[in-house]
């Protein structure tokens, strides 16, 4: 039996690692609880203002975003980390 890796978000610029808790709705909310400044507008994947670069790891989306997302990018407002991720915001 394999154990699931705890979900976390590491900020590439500072190396700060933030635990993603079960009650967090999305990566944006998780970062906000730690007072990490993140640009956002719609909070629903429409505008793309919360776009971040995914350096390592994988995410899944609560709902598929409508904003265009390039390879290597994620929308923080509508995704959750699958295990540990590293991002650049």
PDB file of N, CA and C in Angstrom:
ATOM      1  N   UNK A   1       0.857  -1.178   0.000  1.00  0.00           N
ATOM      2  CA  UNK A   1       0.000   0.000   0.000  1.00  0.00           C
ATOM      3  C   UNK A   1       0.897   1.232   0.000  1.00  0.00           C
ATOM      4  N   UNK A   2       0.596   2.195  -0.877  1.00  0.00           N
ATOM      5  CA  UNK A   2       1.401   3.412  -0.939  1.00  0.00           C
ATOM      6  C   UNK A   2       0.710   4.534  -0.178  1.00  0.00           C
ATOM      7  N   UNK A   3       1.527   5.368   0.427  1.00  0.00           N
ATOM      8  CA  UNK A   3       0.985   6.517   1.137  1.00  0.00           C
ATOM      9  C   UNK A   3       0.947   7.706   0.202  1.00  0.00           C
ATOM     10  N   UNK A   4      -0.102   8.495   0.288  1.00  0.00           N
ATOM     11  CA  UNK A   4      -0.228   9.674  -0.543  1.00  0.00           C
ATOM     12  C   UNK A   4       0.698  10.766  -0.008  1.00  0.00           C
ATOM     13  N   UNK A   5       1.444  11.380  -0.915  1.00  0.00           N
ATOM     14  CA  UNK A   5       2.358  12.454  -0.538  1.00  0.00           C
ATOM     15  C   UNK A   5       1.540  13.672  -0.109  1.00  0.00           C
ATOM     16  N   UNK A   6       1.906  14.310   1.009  1.00  0.00           N
ATOM     17  CA  UNK A   6       1.179  15.505   1.435  1.00  0.00           C
ATOM     18  C   UNK A   6       1.255  16.596   0.363  1.00  0.00           C
ATOM     19  N   UNK A   7       0.175  17.301   0.186  1.00  0.00           N
ATOM     20  CA  UNK A   7       0.139  18.379  -0.801  1.00  0.00           C
ATOM     21  C   UNK A   7       0.784  19.630  -0.220  1.00  0.00           C
ATOM     22  N   UNK A   8       1.620  20.260  -1.037  1.00  0.00           N
ATOM     23  CA  UNK A   8       2.276  21.493  -0.616  1.00  0.00           C
ATOM     24  C   UNK A   8       2.605  22.337  -1.835  1.00  0.00           C
ATOM     25  N   UNK A   9       2.824  23.620  -1.580  1.00  0.00           N
ATOM     26  CA  UNK A   9       3.191  24.571  -2.617  1.00  0.00           C
ATOM     27  C   UNK A   9       4.491  25.231  -2.198  1.00  0.00           C
ATOM     28  N   UNK A  10       5.530  25.087  -3.020  1.00  0.00           N
ATOM     29  CA  UNK A  10       6.800  25.751  -2.756  1.00  0.00           C
ATOM     30  C   UNK A  10       6.939  26.912  -3.724  1.00  0.00           C
ATOM     31  N   UNK A  11       7.275  28.079  -3.181  1.00  0.00           N
ATOM     32  CA  UNK A  11       7.495  29.270  -4.000  1.00  0.00           C
ATOM     33  C   UNK A  11       8.949  29.266  -4.462  1.00  0.00           C
ATOM     34  N   UNK A  12       9.162  29.197  -5.765  1.00  0.00           N
ATOM     35  CA  UNK A  12      10.506  29.075  -6.322  1.00  0.00           C
ATOM     36  C   UNK A  12      11.395  30.261  -5.941  1.00  0.00           C
ATOM     37  N   UNK A  13      10.839  31.452  -5.915  1.00  0.00           N
ATOM     38  CA  UNK A  13      11.645  32.650  -5.658  1.00  0.00           C
ATOM     39  C   UNK A  13      12.233  32.688  -4.255  1.00  0.00           C
ATOM     40  N   UNK A  14      11.506  32.140  -3.282  1.00  0.00           N
ATOM     41  CA  UNK A  14      11.952  32.241  -1.885  1.00  0.00           C
ATOM     42  C   UNK A  14      12.260  30.896  -1.250  1.00  0.00           C
ATOM     43  N   UNK A  15      11.756  29.820  -1.844  1.00  0.00           N
ATOM     44  CA  UNK A  15      11.921  28.495  -1.258  1.00  0.00           C
ATOM     45  C   UNK A  15      10.910  28.198  -0.154  1.00  0.00           C
ATOM     46  N   UNK A  16      10.005  29.145   0.115  1.00  0.00           N
ATOM     47  CA  UNK A  16       8.996  28.947   1.153  1.00  0.00           C
ATOM     48  C   UNK A  16       8.058  27.813   0.748  1.00  0.00           C
ATOM     49  N   UNK A  17       7.840  26.875   1.665  1.00  0.00           N
ATOM     50  CA  UNK A  17       6.962  25.739   1.424  1.00  0.00           C
ATOM     51  C   UNK A  17       5.705  25.905   2.274  1.00  0.00           C
ATOM     52  N   UNK A  18       4.543  25.819   1.615  1.00  0.00           N
ATOM     53  CA  UNK A  18       3.261  26.036   2.280  1.00  0.00           C
ATOM     54  C   UNK A  18       2.440  24.752   2.174  1.00  0.00           C
ATOM     55  N   UNK A  19       1.977  24.253   3.305  1.00  0.00           N
ATOM     56  CA  UNK A  19       1.148  23.056   3.319  1.00  0.00           C
ATOM     57  C   UNK A  19      -0.227  23.375   2.735  1.00  0.00           C
ATOM     58  N   UNK A  20      -0.685  22.532   1.824  1.00  0.00           N
ATOM     59  CA  UNK A  20      -2.026  22.645   1.274  1.00  0.00           C
ATOM     60  C   UNK A  20      -2.918  21.771   2.130  1.00  0.00           C
ATOM     61  N   UNK A  21      -3.828  22.398   2.856  1.00  0.00           N
ATOM     62  CA  UNK A  21      -4.683  21.670   3.802  1.00  0.00           C
ATOM     63  C   UNK A  21      -5.959  21.185   3.136  1.00  0.00           C
ATOM     64  N   UNK A  22      -6.559  20.164   3.707  1.00  0.00           N
ATOM     65  CA  UNK A  22      -7.763  19.551   3.152  1.00  0.00           C
ATOM     66  C   UNK A  22      -8.895  20.563   2.955  1.00  0.00           C
ATOM     67  N   UNK A  23      -8.995  21.578   3.800  1.00  0.00           N
ATOM     68  CA  UNK A  23     -10.063  22.563   3.691  1.00  0.00           C
ATOM     69  C   UNK A  23      -9.832  23.646   2.653  1.00  0.00           C
ATOM     70  N   UNK A  24      -8.635  23.698   2.080  1.00  0.00           N
ATOM     71  CA  UNK A  24      -8.338  24.710   1.059  1.00  0.00           C
ATOM     72  C   UNK A  24      -9.076  24.367  -0.229  1.00  0.00           C
ATOM     73  N   UNK A  25      -9.806  25.330  -0.770  1.00  0.00           N
ATOM     74  CA  UNK A  25     -10.577  25.117  -1.992  1.00  0.00           C
ATOM     75  C   UNK A  25      -9.706  25.116  -3.249  1.00  0.00           C
ATOM     76  N   UNK A  26      -8.599  25.873  -3.199  1.00  0.00           N
ATOM     77  CA  UNK A  26      -7.726  25.995  -4.360  1.00  0.00           C
ATOM     78  C   UNK A  26      -6.363  26.521  -3.921  1.00  0.00           C
ATOM     79  N   UNK A  27      -5.414  26.506  -4.824  1.00  0.00           N
ATOM     80  CA  UNK A  27      -4.065  26.988  -4.512  1.00  0.00           C
ATOM     81  C   UNK A  27      -4.084  28.470  -4.131  1.00  0.00           C
ATOM     82  N   UNK A  28      -4.909  29.262  -4.777  1.00  0.00           N
ATOM     83  CA  UNK A  28      -5.003  30.687  -4.447  1.00  0.00           C
ATOM     84  C   UNK A  28      -5.403  30.884  -2.993  1.00  0.00           C
ATOM     85  N   UNK A  29      -6.434  30.197  -2.546  1.00  0.00           N
ATOM     86  CA  UNK A  29      -6.889  30.318  -1.167  1.00  0.00           C
ATOM     87  C   UNK A  29      -5.791  29.905  -0.190  1.00  0.00           C
ATOM     88  N   UNK A  30      -5.089  28.843  -0.505  1.00  0.00           N
ATOM     89  CA  UNK A  30      -3.999  28.369   0.343  1.00  0.00           C
ATOM     90  C   UNK A  30      -2.926  29.446   0.497  1.00  0.00           C
ATOM     91  N   UNK A  31      -2.541  30.068  -0.599  1.00  0.00           N
ATOM     92  CA  UNK A  31      -1.524  31.119  -0.552  1.00  0.00           C
ATOM     93  C   UNK A  31      -2.025  32.344   0.206  1.00  0.00           C
ATOM     94  N   UNK A  32      -3.282  32.680   0.023  1.00  0.00           N
ATOM     95  CA  UNK A  32      -3.854  33.833   0.730  1.00  0.00           C
ATOM     96  C   UNK A  32      -3.846  33.637   2.242  1.00  0.00           C
ATOM     97  N   UNK A  33      -4.066  32.419   2.709  1.00  0.00           N
ATOM     98  CA  UNK A  33      -4.077  32.181   4.160  1.00  0.00           C
ATOM     99  C   UNK A  33      -2.708  32.445   4.776  1.00  0.00           C
ATOM    100  N   UNK A  34      -1.669  32.364   3.967  1.00  0.00           N
ATOM    101  CA  UNK A  34      -0.301  32.640   4.435  1.00  0.00           C
ATOM    102  C   UNK A  34       0.156  34.050   4.055  1.00  0.00           C
ATOM    103  N   UNK A  35      -0.803  34.870   3.612  1.00  0.00           N
ATOM    104  CA  UNK A  35      -0.539  36.277   3.265  1.00  0.00           C
ATOM    105  C   UNK A  35       0.468  36.424   2.116  1.00  0.00           C
ATOM    106  N   UNK A  36       0.447  35.478   1.184  1.00  0.00           N
ATOM    107  CA  UNK A  36       1.278  35.558  -0.016  1.00  0.00           C
ATOM    108  C   UNK A  36       0.499  36.370  -1.051  1.00  0.00           C
ATOM    109  N   UNK A  37       1.031  37.507  -1.510  1.00  0.00           N
ATOM    110  CA  UNK A  37       0.297  38.331  -2.474  1.00  0.00           C
ATOM    111  C   UNK A  37       0.236  37.667  -3.858  1.00  0.00           C
ATOM    112  N   UNK A  38      -0.980  37.501  -4.355  1.00  0.00           N
ATOM    113  CA  UNK A  38      -1.209  36.884  -5.658  1.00  0.00           C
ATOM    114  C   UNK A  38      -2.229  37.723  -6.411  1.00  0.00           C
ATOM    115  N   UNK A  39      -1.955  38.020  -7.671  1.00  0.00           N
ATOM    116  CA  UNK A  39      -2.931  38.730  -8.501  1.00  0.00           C
ATOM    117  C   UNK A  39      -4.084  37.792  -8.835  1.00  0.00           C
ATOM    118  N   UNK A  40      -5.292  38.321  -8.821  1.00  0.00           N
ATOM    119  CA  UNK A  40      -6.466  37.539  -9.208  1.00  0.00           C
ATOM    120  C   UNK A  40      -7.605  38.508  -9.504  1.00  0.00           C
ATOM    121  N   UNK A  41      -8.642  38.003 -10.169  1.00  0.00           N
ATOM    122  CA  UNK A  41      -9.864  38.779 -10.378  1.00  0.00           C
ATOM    123  C   UNK A  41     -11.090  37.905 -10.205  1.00  0.00           C
ATOM    124  N   UNK A  42     -11.323  37.003 -11.118  1.00  0.00           N
ATOM    125  CA  UNK A  42     -12.607  36.292 -11.148  1.00  0.00           C
ATOM    126  C   UNK A  42     -12.728  35.142 -10.149  1.00  0.00           C
ATOM    127  N   UNK A  43     -11.636  34.492  -9.814  1.00  0.00           N
ATOM    128  CA  UNK A  43     -11.613  33.319  -8.933  1.00  0.00           C
ATOM    129  C   UNK A  43     -12.344  32.108  -9.513  1.00  0.00           C
ATOM    130  N   UNK A  44     -12.572  32.081 -10.807  1.00  0.00           N
ATOM    131  CA  UNK A  44     -13.300  30.967 -11.408  1.00  0.00           C
ATOM    132  C   UNK A  44     -12.671  30.435 -12.690  1.00  0.00           C
ATOM    133  N   UNK A  45     -11.447  30.832 -13.012  1.00  0.00           N
ATOM    134  CA  UNK A  45     -10.779  30.315 -14.193  1.00  0.00           C
ATOM    135  C   UNK A  45     -11.156  30.981 -15.494  1.00  0.00           C
ATOM    136  N   UNK A  46     -11.829  32.135 -15.416  1.00  0.00           N
ATOM    137  CA  UNK A  46     -12.254  32.833 -16.635  1.00  0.00           C
ATOM    138  C   UNK A  46     -11.216  33.834 -17.141  1.00  0.00           C
ATOM    139  N   UNK A  47     -10.582  34.569 -16.221  1.00  0.00           N
ATOM    140  CA  UNK A  47      -9.769  35.715 -16.653  1.00  0.00           C
ATOM    141  C   UNK A  47      -8.284  35.414 -16.826  1.00  0.00           C
ATOM    142  N   UNK A  48      -7.742  34.494 -16.069  1.00  0.00           N
ATOM    143  CA  UNK A  48      -6.323  34.173 -16.177  1.00  0.00           C
ATOM    144  C   UNK A  48      -5.403  35.083 -15.387  1.00  0.00           C
ATOM    145  N   UNK A  49      -5.948  35.975 -14.569  1.00  0.00           N
ATOM    146  CA  UNK A  49      -5.116  36.910 -13.807  1.00  0.00           C
ATOM    147  C   UNK A  49      -4.230  36.216 -12.776  1.00  0.00           C
ATOM    148  N   UNK A  50      -4.625  35.046 -12.312  1.00  0.00           N
ATOM    149  CA  UNK A  50      -3.867  34.325 -11.279  1.00  0.00           C
ATOM    150  C   UNK A  50      -2.882  33.324 -11.876  1.00  0.00           C
ATOM    151  N   UNK A  51      -2.572  33.498 -13.143  1.00  0.00           N
ATOM    152  CA  UNK A  51      -1.672  32.591 -13.859  1.00  0.00           C
ATOM    153  C   UNK A  51      -0.313  32.499 -13.166  1.00  0.00           C
ATOM    154  N   UNK A  52       0.198  31.287 -13.018  1.00  0.00           N
ATOM    155  CA  UNK A  52       1.515  31.048 -12.419  1.00  0.00           C
ATOM    156  C   UNK A  52       2.246  29.999 -13.253  1.00  0.00           C
ATOM    157  N   UNK A  53       3.558  29.980 -13.130  1.00  0.00           N
ATOM    158  CA  UNK A  53       4.365  28.980 -13.823  1.00  0.00           C
ATOM    159  C   UNK A  53       4.543  27.769 -12.914  1.00  0.00           C
ATOM    160  N   UNK A  54       4.212  26.606 -13.418  1.00  0.00           N
ATOM    161  CA  UNK A  54       4.396  25.362 -12.682  1.00  0.00           C
ATOM    162  C   UNK A  54       5.785  24.834 -13.016  1.00  0.00           C
ATOM    163  N   UNK A  55       6.674  24.867 -12.036  1.00  0.00           N
ATOM    164  CA  UNK A  55       8.061  24.443 -12.245  1.00  0.00           C
ATOM    165  C   UNK A  55       8.218  22.945 -12.016  1.00  0.00           C
ATOM    166  N   UNK A  56       7.537  22.420 -11.005  1.00  0.00           N
ATOM    167  CA  UNK A  56       7.614  20.990 -10.712  1.00  0.00           C
ATOM    168  C   UNK A  56       6.304  20.518 -10.120  1.00  0.00           C
ATOM    169  N   UNK A  57       5.967  19.258 -10.388  1.00  0.00           N
ATOM    170  CA  UNK A  57       4.765  18.670  -9.826  1.00  0.00           C
ATOM    171  C   UNK A  57       3.580  18.733 -10.777  1.00  0.00           C
ATOM    172  N   UNK A  58       2.424  18.334 -10.256  1.00  0.00           N
ATOM    173  CA  UNK A  58       1.190  18.288 -11.041  1.00  0.00           C
ATOM    174  C   UNK A  58       0.037  18.857 -10.232  1.00  0.00           C
ATOM    175  N   UNK A  59      -0.943  19.375 -10.943  1.00  0.00           N
ATOM    176  CA  UNK A  59      -2.168  19.881 -10.311  1.00  0.00           C
ATOM    177  C   UNK A  59      -3.362  19.242 -10.986  1.00  0.00           C
ATOM    178  N   UNK A  60      -4.512  19.318 -10.323  1.00  0.00           N
ATOM    179  CA  UNK A  60      -5.770  18.984 -10.978  1.00  0.00           C
ATOM    180  C   UNK A  60      -6.699  20.172 -10.792  1.00  0.00           C
ATOM    181  N   UNK A  61      -7.594  20.337 -11.733  1.00  0.00           N
ATOM    182  CA  UNK A  61      -8.512  21.469 -11.711  1.00  0.00           C
ATOM    183  C   UNK A  61      -9.855  21.062 -11.129  1.00  0.00           C
ATOM    184  N   UNK A  62     -10.392  21.930 -10.265  1.00  0.00           N
ATOM    185  CA  UNK A  62     -11.737  21.718  -9.726  1.00  0.00           C
ATOM    186  C   UNK A  62     -12.730  21.674 -10.882  1.00  0.00           C
ATOM    187  N   UNK A  63     -12.588  22.619 -11.798  1.00  0.00           N
ATOM    188  CA  UNK A  63     -13.325  22.666 -13.053  1.00  0.00           C
ATOM    189  C   UNK A  63     -12.355  23.132 -14.110  1.00  0.00           C
ATOM    190  N   UNK A  64     -12.493  22.636 -15.318  1.00  0.00           N
ATOM    191  CA  UNK A  64     -11.578  23.024 -16.392  1.00  0.00           C
ATOM    192  C   UNK A  64     -11.677  24.532 -16.617  1.00  0.00           C
ATOM    193  N   UNK A  65     -10.543  25.244 -16.589  1.00  0.00           N
ATOM    194  CA  UNK A  65     -10.581  26.699 -16.752  1.00  0.00           C
ATOM    195  C   UNK A  65     -10.989  27.099 -18.172  1.00  0.00           C
ATOM    196  N   UNK A  66     -11.649  28.242 -18.281  1.00  0.00           N
ATOM    197  CA  UNK A  66     -12.019  28.774 -19.584  1.00  0.00           C
ATOM    198  C   UNK A  66     -10.921  29.664 -20.154  1.00  0.00           C
ATOM    199  N   UNK A  67     -10.103  30.237 -19.293  1.00  0.00           N
ATOM    200  CA  UNK A  67      -8.977  31.055 -19.749  1.00  0.00           C
ATOM    201  C   UNK A  67      -7.944  30.138 -20.400  1.00  0.00           C
ATOM    202  N   UNK A  68      -7.254  30.655 -21.391  1.00  0.00           N
ATOM    203  CA  UNK A  68      -6.211  29.897 -22.072  1.00  0.00           C
ATOM    204  C   UNK A  68      -5.053  29.653 -21.112  1.00  0.00           C
ATOM    205  N   UNK A  69      -4.612  28.408 -21.011  1.00  0.00           N
ATOM    206  CA  UNK A  69      -3.496  28.037 -20.142  1.00  0.00           C
ATOM    207  C   UNK A  69      -2.435  27.363 -21.000  1.00  0.00           C
ATOM    208  N   UNK A  70      -1.272  27.988 -21.079  1.00  0.00           N
ATOM    209  CA  UNK A  70      -0.170  27.429 -21.869  1.00  0.00           C
ATOM    210  C   UNK A  70       0.484  26.255 -21.138  1.00  0.00           C
ATOM    211  N   UNK A  71       1.226  25.468 -21.867  1.00  0.00           N
ATOM    212  CA  UNK A  71       2.030  24.387 -21.296  1.00  0.00           C
ATOM    213  C   UNK A  71       2.945  24.973 -20.223  1.00  0.00           C
ATOM    214  N   UNK A  72       2.944  24.384 -19.037  1.00  0.00           N
ATOM    215  CA  UNK A  72       3.798  24.858 -17.951  1.00  0.00           C
ATOM    216  C   UNK A  72       3.182  25.955 -17.108  1.00  0.00           C
ATOM    217  N   UNK A  73       1.922  26.303 -17.377  1.00  0.00           N
ATOM    218  CA  UNK A  73       1.216  27.315 -16.583  1.00  0.00           C
ATOM    219  C   UNK A  73       0.038  26.678 -15.860  1.00  0.00           C
ATOM    220  N   UNK A  74      -0.371  27.318 -14.756  1.00  0.00           N
ATOM    221  CA  UNK A  74      -1.569  26.895 -14.028  1.00  0.00           C
ATOM    222  C   UNK A  74      -2.344  28.139 -13.616  1.00  0.00           C
ATOM    223  N   UNK A  75      -3.615  27.960 -13.335  1.00  0.00           N
ATOM    224  CA  UNK A  75      -4.445  29.030 -12.781  1.00  0.00           C
ATOM    225  C   UNK A  75      -4.683  28.697 -11.314  1.00  0.00           C
ATOM    226  N   UNK A  76      -4.145  29.515 -10.440  1.00  0.00           N
ATOM    227  CA  UNK A  76      -4.191  29.246  -9.006  1.00  0.00           C
ATOM    228  C   UNK A  76      -5.605  29.232  -8.435  1.00  0.00           C
ATOM    229  N   UNK A  77      -6.535  29.953  -9.059  1.00  0.00           N
ATOM    230  CA  UNK A  77      -7.888  30.079  -8.505  1.00  0.00           C
ATOM    231  C   UNK A  77      -8.732  28.823  -8.646  1.00  0.00           C
ATOM    232  N   UNK A  78      -8.314  27.898  -9.491  1.00  0.00           N
ATOM    233  CA  UNK A  78      -9.182  26.739  -9.727  1.00  0.00           C
ATOM    234  C   UNK A  78      -8.423  25.413  -9.760  1.00  0.00           C
ATOM    235  N   UNK A  79      -7.223  25.386  -9.182  1.00  0.00           N
ATOM    236  CA  UNK A  79      -6.482  24.124  -9.153  1.00  0.00           C
ATOM    237  C   UNK A  79      -6.041  23.767  -7.743  1.00  0.00           C
ATOM    238  N   UNK A  80      -5.745  22.490  -7.578  1.00  0.00           N
ATOM    239  CA  UNK A  80      -5.204  21.961  -6.324  1.00  0.00           C
ATOM    240  C   UNK A  80      -3.957  21.157  -6.666  1.00  0.00           C
ATOM    241  N   UNK A  81      -2.951  21.191  -5.788  1.00  0.00           N
ATOM    242  CA  UNK A  81      -1.749  20.400  -6.064  1.00  0.00           C
ATOM    243  C   UNK A  81      -2.000  18.910  -5.867  1.00  0.00           C
ATOM    244  N   UNK A  82      -1.409  18.108  -6.737  1.00  0.00           N
ATOM    245  CA  UNK A  82      -1.352  16.657  -6.554  1.00  0.00           C
ATOM    246  C   UNK A  82       0.004  16.379  -5.920  1.00  0.00           C
ATOM    247  N   UNK A  83       0.066  16.370  -4.618  1.00  0.00           N
ATOM    248  CA  UNK A  83       1.345  16.210  -3.933  1.00  0.00           C
ATOM    249  C   UNK A  83       2.077  17.545  -3.840  1.00  0.00           C
ATOM    250  N   UNK A  84       3.382  17.498  -3.927  1.00  0.00           N
ATOM    251  CA  UNK A  84       4.198  18.709  -3.807  1.00  0.00           C
ATOM    252  C   UNK A  84       4.376  19.365  -5.176  1.00  0.00           C
ATOM    253  N   UNK A  85       4.165  20.683  -5.224  1.00  0.00           N
ATOM    254  CA  UNK A  85       4.415  21.434  -6.448  1.00  0.00           C
ATOM    255  C   UNK A  85       5.341  22.610  -6.141  1.00  0.00           C
ATOM    256  N   UNK A  86       6.021  23.077  -7.168  1.00  0.00           N
ATOM    257  CA  UNK A  86       6.842  24.290  -7.081  1.00  0.00           C
ATOM    258  C   UNK A  86       6.345  25.228  -8.147  1.00  0.00           C
ATOM    259  N   UNK A  87       6.105  26.496  -7.749  1.00  0.00           N
ATOM    260  CA  UNK A  87       5.559  27.481  -8.693  1.00  0.00           C
ATOM    261  C   UNK A  87       6.358  28.778  -8.653  1.00  0.00           C
ATOM    262  N   UNK A  88       6.189  29.544  -9.689  1.00  0.00           N
ATOM    263  CA  UNK A  88       6.717  30.900  -9.748  1.00  0.00           C
ATOM    264  C   UNK A  88       5.523  31.828  -9.984  1.00  0.00           C
ATOM    265  N   UNK A  89       5.295  32.752  -9.043  1.00  0.00           N
ATOM    266  CA  UNK A  89       4.155  33.665  -9.197  1.00  0.00           C
ATOM    267  C   UNK A  89       4.639  35.072  -9.484  1.00  0.00           C
TER     268      UNK A  89
END
